[in-house]
Every structure is written in C-alpha cells, then in structure tokens.
Amino acid sequence: MKKSILTYGLITGAVIIGSMLLGILNVSGFSQWLGYLIIVVAMTMIFIGVKRYRDQERGGVISFG
C-alpha cells in the first residue's frame, strides 16, 4: 500500500507543483484551460492509484467495513 501511495502521490504532487510553476511564470495565455487540465490530470492520477491498489493489493475489492 505504501508503494502505491508514494508512487501516485508523488506523480500527482509533481503535476500540481509543475502547474503552479507554470502559473507563476505565466507561460501561456490560456490559464483557465490550463487550470482545468491540471485538475483533470490530478484527479485521473488519484483514480488510477486507487484502481491499482484495489486490483493488485486487495484482490479487486475495496470495502467500507
């Protein structure tokens, strides 16, 4: 579990930090579209991380109890 958390957490963190740096440098004039793209990429990485954890470490099931 820790490996999945670190892997996908670091990737998501790198995406967010990279987007903040692009925003500070104001690289593109499409800041609103860039913001939405960053949100979609970050949420996708979280989804992929949870799915991978479910499939590989929990046998395809995540329960709440």
PDB file of N, CA and C in Angstrom:
ATOM      1  N   MET A   1       0.822  -1.185   0.000  1.00  0.00           N
ATOM      2  CA  MET A   1       0.000   0.000   0.000  1.00  0.00           C
ATOM      3  C   MET A   1       0.869   1.253   0.000  1.00  0.00           C
ATOM      4  N   LYS A   2       1.931   1.240   0.780  1.00  0.00           N
ATOM      5  CA  LYS A   2       2.779   2.421   0.859  1.00  0.00           C
ATOM      6  C   LYS A   2       3.436   2.736  -0.475  1.00  0.00           C
ATOM      7  N   LYS A   3       3.780   1.686  -1.231  1.00  0.00           N
ATOM      8  CA  LYS A   3       4.405   1.905  -2.533  1.00  0.00           C
ATOM      9  C   LYS A   3       3.436   2.605  -3.484  1.00  0.00           C
ATOM     10  N   SER A   4       2.179   2.174  -3.494  1.00  0.00           N
ATOM     11  CA  SER A   4       1.170   2.805  -4.354  1.00  0.00           C
ATOM     12  C   SER A   4       0.929   4.248  -3.947  1.00  0.00           C
ATOM     13  N   ILE A   5       0.839   4.470  -2.638  1.00  0.00           N
ATOM     14  CA  ILE A   5       0.605   5.830  -2.148  1.00  0.00           C
ATOM     15  C   ILE A   5       1.754   6.741  -2.544  1.00  0.00           C
ATOM     16  N   LEU A   6       2.974   6.278  -2.342  1.00  0.00           N
ATOM     17  CA  LEU A   6       4.128   7.106  -2.689  1.00  0.00           C
ATOM     18  C   LEU A   6       4.231   7.342  -4.188  1.00  0.00           C
ATOM     19  N   THR A   7       4.024   6.296  -4.972  1.00  0.00           N
ATOM     20  CA  THR A   7       4.152   6.432  -6.424  1.00  0.00           C
ATOM     21  C   THR A   7       3.146   7.428  -6.986  1.00  0.00           C
ATOM     22  N   TYR A   8       1.868   7.186  -6.749  1.00  0.00           N
ATOM     23  CA  TYR A   8       0.842   8.038  -7.342  1.00  0.00           C
ATOM     24  C   TYR A   8       0.721   9.373  -6.612  1.00  0.00           C
ATOM     25  N   GLY A   9       1.053   9.417  -5.342  1.00  0.00           N
ATOM     26  CA  GLY A   9       1.071  10.680  -4.621  1.00  0.00           C
ATOM     27  C   GLY A   9       2.163  11.605  -5.137  1.00  0.00           C
ATOM     28  N   LEU A  10       3.339  11.040  -5.397  1.00  0.00           N
ATOM     29  CA  LEU A  10       4.431  11.855  -5.931  1.00  0.00           C
ATOM     30  C   LEU A  10       4.138  12.334  -7.349  1.00  0.00           C
ATOM     31  N   ILE A  11       3.528  11.480  -8.165  1.00  0.00           N
ATOM     32  CA  ILE A  11       3.177  11.894  -9.528  1.00  0.00           C
ATOM     33  C   ILE A  11       2.151  13.022  -9.485  1.00  0.00           C
ATOM     34  N   THR A  12       1.115  12.862  -8.655  1.00  0.00           N
ATOM     35  CA  THR A  12       0.090  13.899  -8.542  1.00  0.00           C
ATOM     36  C   THR A  12       0.683  15.186  -7.986  1.00  0.00           C
ATOM     37  N   GLY A  13       1.542  15.072  -6.982  1.00  0.00           N
ATOM     38  CA  GLY A  13       2.201  16.249  -6.422  1.00  0.00           C
ATOM     39  C   GLY A  13       3.074  16.959  -7.441  1.00  0.00           C
ATOM     40  N   ALA A  14       3.793  16.188  -8.260  1.00  0.00           N
ATOM     41  CA  ALA A  14       4.639  16.785  -9.295  1.00  0.00           C
ATOM     42  C   ALA A  14       3.797  17.531 -10.327  1.00  0.00           C
ATOM     43  N   VAL A  15       2.642  16.974 -10.681  1.00  0.00           N
ATOM     44  CA  VAL A  15       1.751  17.646 -11.636  1.00  0.00           C
ATOM     45  C   VAL A  15       1.258  18.969 -11.054  1.00  0.00           C
ATOM     46  N   ILE A  16       0.870  18.954  -9.791  1.00  0.00           N
ATOM     47  CA  ILE A  16       0.353  20.170  -9.164  1.00  0.00           C
ATOM     48  C   ILE A  16       1.456  21.216  -9.006  1.00  0.00           C
ATOM     49  N   ILE A  17       2.640  20.795  -8.566  1.00  0.00           N
ATOM     50  CA  ILE A  17       3.754  21.736  -8.418  1.00  0.00           C
ATOM     51  C   ILE A  17       4.161  22.302  -9.776  1.00  0.00           C
ATOM     52  N   GLY A  18       4.202  21.438 -10.793  1.00  0.00           N
ATOM     53  CA  GLY A  18       4.531  21.912 -12.137  1.00  0.00           C
ATOM     54  C   GLY A  18       3.529  22.930 -12.647  1.00  0.00           C
ATOM     55  N   SER A  19       2.256  22.702 -12.365  1.00  0.00           N
ATOM     56  CA  SER A  19       1.239  23.651 -12.808  1.00  0.00           C
ATOM     57  C   SER A  19       1.353  24.971 -12.066  1.00  0.00           C
ATOM     58  N   MET A  20       1.714  24.912 -10.790  1.00  0.00           N
ATOM     59  CA  MET A  20       1.901  26.150 -10.038  1.00  0.00           C
ATOM     60  C   MET A  20       3.065  26.951 -10.602  1.00  0.00           C
ATOM     61  N   LEU A  21       4.137  26.268 -10.962  1.00  0.00           N
ATOM     62  CA  LEU A  21       5.282  26.959 -11.554  1.00  0.00           C
ATOM     63  C   LEU A  21       4.920  27.575 -12.904  1.00  0.00           C
ATOM     64  N   LEU A  22       4.145  26.845 -13.711  1.00  0.00           N
ATOM     65  CA  LEU A  22       3.701  27.405 -14.987  1.00  0.00           C
ATOM     66  C   LEU A  22       2.803  28.619 -14.766  1.00  0.00           C
ATOM     67  N   GLY A  23       1.977  28.564 -13.738  1.00  0.00           N
ATOM     68  CA  GLY A  23       1.113  29.700 -13.430  1.00  0.00           C
ATOM     69  C   GLY A  23       1.900  30.909 -12.966  1.00  0.00           C
ATOM     70  N   ILE A  24       2.937  30.672 -12.173  1.00  0.00           N
ATOM     71  CA  ILE A  24       3.770  31.778 -11.696  1.00  0.00           C
ATOM     72  C   ILE A  24       4.531  32.408 -12.857  1.00  0.00           C
ATOM     73  N   LEU A  25       5.054  31.567 -13.743  1.00  0.00           N
ATOM     74  CA  LEU A  25       5.802  32.072 -14.887  1.00  0.00           C
ATOM     75  C   LEU A  25       4.887  32.624 -15.976  1.00  0.00           C
ATOM     76  N   ASN A  26       3.582  32.308 -15.884  1.00  0.00           N
ATOM     77  CA  ASN A  26       2.578  32.747 -16.851  1.00  0.00           C
ATOM     78  C   ASN A  26       3.021  32.408 -18.273  1.00  0.00           C
ATOM     79  N   VAL A  27       3.323  31.127 -18.475  1.00  0.00           N
ATOM     80  CA  VAL A  27       3.840  30.650 -19.747  1.00  0.00           C
ATOM     81  C   VAL A  27       2.819  30.810 -20.864  1.00  0.00           C
ATOM     82  N   SER A  28       1.570  30.506 -20.589  1.00  0.00           N
ATOM     83  CA  SER A  28       0.575  30.581 -21.652  1.00  0.00           C
ATOM     84  C   SER A  28      -0.539  31.539 -21.261  1.00  0.00           C
ATOM     85  N   GLY A  29      -1.217  32.041 -22.257  1.00  0.00           N
ATOM     86  CA  GLY A  29      -2.338  32.931 -22.019  1.00  0.00           C
ATOM     87  C   GLY A  29      -3.622  32.182 -21.721  1.00  0.00           C
ATOM     88  N   PHE A  30      -3.584  30.870 -21.779  1.00  0.00           N
ATOM     89  CA  PHE A  30      -4.764  30.045 -21.557  1.00  0.00           C
ATOM     90  C   PHE A  30      -4.768  29.502 -20.130  1.00  0.00           C
ATOM     91  N   SER A  31      -4.685  30.372 -19.151  1.00  0.00           N
ATOM     92  CA  SER A  31      -4.545  29.925 -17.769  1.00  0.00           C
ATOM     93  C   SER A  31      -5.786  29.190 -17.271  1.00  0.00           C
ATOM     94  N   GLN A  32      -6.977  29.583 -17.715  1.00  0.00           N
ATOM     95  CA  GLN A  32      -8.187  28.902 -17.272  1.00  0.00           C
ATOM     96  C   GLN A  32      -8.211  27.470 -17.807  1.00  0.00           C
ATOM     97  N   TRP A  33      -7.894  27.287 -19.077  1.00  0.00           N
ATOM     98  CA  TRP A  33      -7.873  25.949 -19.655  1.00  0.00           C
ATOM     99  C   TRP A  33      -6.763  25.108 -19.039  1.00  0.00           C
ATOM    100  N   LEU A  34      -5.637  25.729 -18.764  1.00  0.00           N
ATOM    101  CA  LEU A  34      -4.537  25.020 -18.121  1.00  0.00           C
ATOM    102  C   LEU A  34      -4.945  24.565 -16.726  1.00  0.00           C
ATOM    103  N   GLY A  35      -5.655  25.394 -16.001  1.00  0.00           N
ATOM    104  CA  GLY A  35      -6.136  25.030 -14.671  1.00  0.00           C
ATOM    105  C   GLY A  35      -7.070  23.838 -14.706  1.00  0.00           C
ATOM    106  N   TYR A  36      -8.013  23.839 -15.641  1.00  0.00           N
ATOM    107  CA  TYR A  36      -8.925  22.705 -15.772  1.00  0.00           C
ATOM    108  C   TYR A  36      -8.174  21.436 -16.168  1.00  0.00           C
ATOM    109  N   LEU A  37      -7.208  21.567 -17.055  1.00  0.00           N
ATOM    110  CA  LEU A  37      -6.419  20.416 -17.477  1.00  0.00           C
ATOM    111  C   LEU A  37      -5.645  19.825 -16.302  1.00  0.00           C
ATOM    112  N   ILE A  38      -5.079  20.664 -15.461  1.00  0.00           N
ATOM    113  CA  ILE A  38      -4.328  20.200 -14.299  1.00  0.00           C
ATOM    114  C   ILE A  38      -5.249  19.462 -13.330  1.00  0.00           C
ATOM    115  N   ILE A  39      -6.449  19.987 -13.115  1.00  0.00           N
ATOM    116  CA  ILE A  39      -7.407  19.323 -12.229  1.00  0.00           C
ATOM    117  C   ILE A  39      -7.765  17.942 -12.771  1.00  0.00           C
ATOM    118  N   VAL A  40      -8.018  17.857 -14.068  1.00  0.00           N
ATOM    119  CA  VAL A  40      -8.374  16.571 -14.678  1.00  0.00           C
ATOM    120  C   VAL A  40      -7.220  15.580 -14.565  1.00  0.00           C
ATOM    121  N   VAL A  41      -6.002  16.029 -14.831  1.00  0.00           N
ATOM    122  CA  VAL A  41      -4.842  15.128 -14.749  1.00  0.00           C
ATOM    123  C   VAL A  41      -4.626  14.662 -13.313  1.00  0.00           C
ATOM    124  N   ALA A  42      -4.718  15.569 -12.342  1.00  0.00           N
ATOM    125  CA  ALA A  42      -4.515  15.193 -10.940  1.00  0.00           C
ATOM    126  C   ALA A  42      -5.588  14.209 -10.474  1.00  0.00           C
ATOM    127  N   MET A  43      -6.841  14.459 -10.803  1.00  0.00           N
ATOM    128  CA  MET A  43      -7.912  13.550 -10.401  1.00  0.00           C
ATOM    129  C   MET A  43      -7.782  12.196 -11.095  1.00  0.00           C
ATOM    130  N   THR A  44      -7.315  12.188 -12.338  1.00  0.00           N
ATOM    131  CA  THR A  44      -7.100  10.934 -13.053  1.00  0.00           C
ATOM    132  C   THR A  44      -6.010  10.108 -12.380  1.00  0.00           C
ATOM    133  N   MET A  45      -4.943  10.750 -11.941  1.00  0.00           N
ATOM    134  CA  MET A  45      -3.869  10.023 -11.269  1.00  0.00           C
ATOM    135  C   MET A  45      -4.354   9.435  -9.944  1.00  0.00           C
ATOM    136  N   ILE A  46      -5.190  10.164  -9.219  1.00  0.00           N
ATOM    137  CA  ILE A  46      -5.750   9.632  -7.975  1.00  0.00           C
ATOM    138  C   ILE A  46      -6.634   8.426  -8.276  1.00  0.00           C
ATOM    139  N   PHE A  47      -7.468   8.522  -9.309  1.00  0.00           N
ATOM    140  CA  PHE A  47      -8.333   7.411  -9.698  1.00  0.00           C
ATOM    141  C   PHE A  47      -7.514   6.182 -10.082  1.00  0.00           C
ATOM    142  N   ILE A  48      -6.470   6.379 -10.877  1.00  0.00           N
ATOM    143  CA  ILE A  48      -5.630   5.261 -11.307  1.00  0.00           C
ATOM    144  C   ILE A  48      -4.926   4.628 -10.109  1.00  0.00           C
ATOM    145  N   GLY A  49      -4.475   5.452  -9.164  1.00  0.00           N
ATOM    146  CA  GLY A  49      -3.829   4.923  -7.968  1.00  0.00           C
ATOM    147  C   GLY A  49      -4.765   4.069  -7.132  1.00  0.00           C
ATOM    148  N   VAL A  50      -5.995   4.529  -6.929  1.00  0.00           N
ATOM    149  CA  VAL A  50      -6.976   3.759  -6.157  1.00  0.00           C
ATOM    150  C   VAL A  50      -7.342   2.474  -6.894  1.00  0.00           C
ATOM    151  N   LYS A  51      -7.507   2.558  -8.208  1.00  0.00           N
ATOM    152  CA  LYS A  51      -7.844   1.372  -9.001  1.00  0.00           C
ATOM    153  C   LYS A  51      -6.724   0.341  -8.947  1.00  0.00           C
ATOM    154  N   ARG A  52      -5.496   0.797  -9.056  1.00  0.00           N
ATOM    155  CA  ARG A  52      -4.358  -0.123  -8.988  1.00  0.00           C
ATOM    156  C   ARG A  52      -4.279  -0.782  -7.606  1.00  0.00           C
ATOM    157  N   TYR A  53      -4.494  -0.012  -6.559  1.00  0.00           N
ATOM    158  CA  TYR A  53      -4.494  -0.559  -5.201  1.00  0.00           C
ATOM    159  C   TYR A  53      -5.587  -1.612  -5.053  1.00  0.00           C
ATOM    160  N   ARG A  54      -6.775  -1.304  -5.564  1.00  0.00           N
ATOM    161  CA  ARG A  54      -7.890  -2.248  -5.484  1.00  0.00           C
ATOM    162  C   ARG A  54      -7.584  -3.535  -6.233  1.00  0.00           C
ATOM    163  N   ASP A  55      -7.078  -3.417  -7.448  1.00  0.00           N
ATOM    164  CA  ASP A  55      -6.872  -4.589  -8.291  1.00  0.00           C
ATOM    165  C   ASP A  55      -5.691  -5.441  -7.852  1.00  0.00           C
ATOM    166  N   GLN A  56      -4.580  -4.824  -7.484  1.00  0.00           N
ATOM    167  CA  GLN A  56      -3.367  -5.596  -7.233  1.00  0.00           C
ATOM    168  C   GLN A  56      -3.164  -5.966  -5.770  1.00  0.00           C
ATOM    169  N   GLU A  57      -3.579  -5.135  -4.850  1.00  0.00           N
ATOM    170  CA  GLU A  57      -3.284  -5.410  -3.452  1.00  0.00           C
ATOM    171  C   GLU A  57      -4.485  -5.903  -2.651  1.00  0.00           C
ATOM    172  N   ARG A  58      -5.692  -5.618  -3.110  1.00  0.00           N
ATOM    173  CA  ARG A  58      -6.885  -6.022  -2.365  1.00  0.00           C
ATOM    174  C   ARG A  58      -7.711  -7.075  -3.089  1.00  0.00           C
ATOM    175  N   GLY A  59      -7.227  -7.620  -4.168  1.00  0.00           N
ATOM    176  CA  GLY A  59      -7.941  -8.680  -4.864  1.00  0.00           C
ATOM    177  C   GLY A  59      -9.188  -8.220  -5.590  1.00  0.00           C
ATOM    178  N   GLY A  60      -9.258  -6.967  -5.978  1.00  0.00           N
ATOM    179  CA  GLY A  60     -10.384  -6.457  -6.751  1.00  0.00           C
ATOM    180  C   GLY A  60     -11.530  -5.910  -5.932  1.00  0.00           C
ATOM    181  N   VAL A  61     -11.377  -5.828  -4.604  1.00  0.00           N
ATOM    182  CA  VAL A  61     -12.474  -5.374  -3.744  1.00  0.00           C
ATOM    183  C   VAL A  61     -11.950  -4.358  -2.740  1.00  0.00           C
ATOM    184  N   ILE A  62     -12.674  -3.266  -2.589  1.00  0.00           N
ATOM    185  CA  ILE A  62     -12.429  -2.319  -1.502  1.00  0.00           C
ATOM    186  C   ILE A  62     -13.733  -2.210  -0.737  1.00  0.00           C
ATOM    187  N   SER A  63     -13.686  -2.510   0.561  1.00  0.00           N
ATOM    188  CA  SER A  63     -14.903  -2.448   1.364  1.00  0.00           C
ATOM    189  C   SER A  63     -14.812  -1.299   2.360  1.00  0.00           C
ATOM    190  N   PHE A  64     -15.951  -0.895   2.866  1.00  0.00           N
ATOM    191  CA  PHE A  64     -16.016   0.182   3.847  1.00  0.00           C
ATOM    192  C   PHE A  64     -16.175  -0.351   5.266  1.00  0.00           C
ATOM    193  N   GLY A  65     -16.062  -1.638   5.424  1.00  0.00           N
ATOM    194  CA  GLY A  65     -16.299  -2.191   6.759  1.00  0.00           C
ATOM    195  C   GLY A  65     -15.288  -3.179   7.208  1.00  0.00           C
TER     196      GLY A  65
END
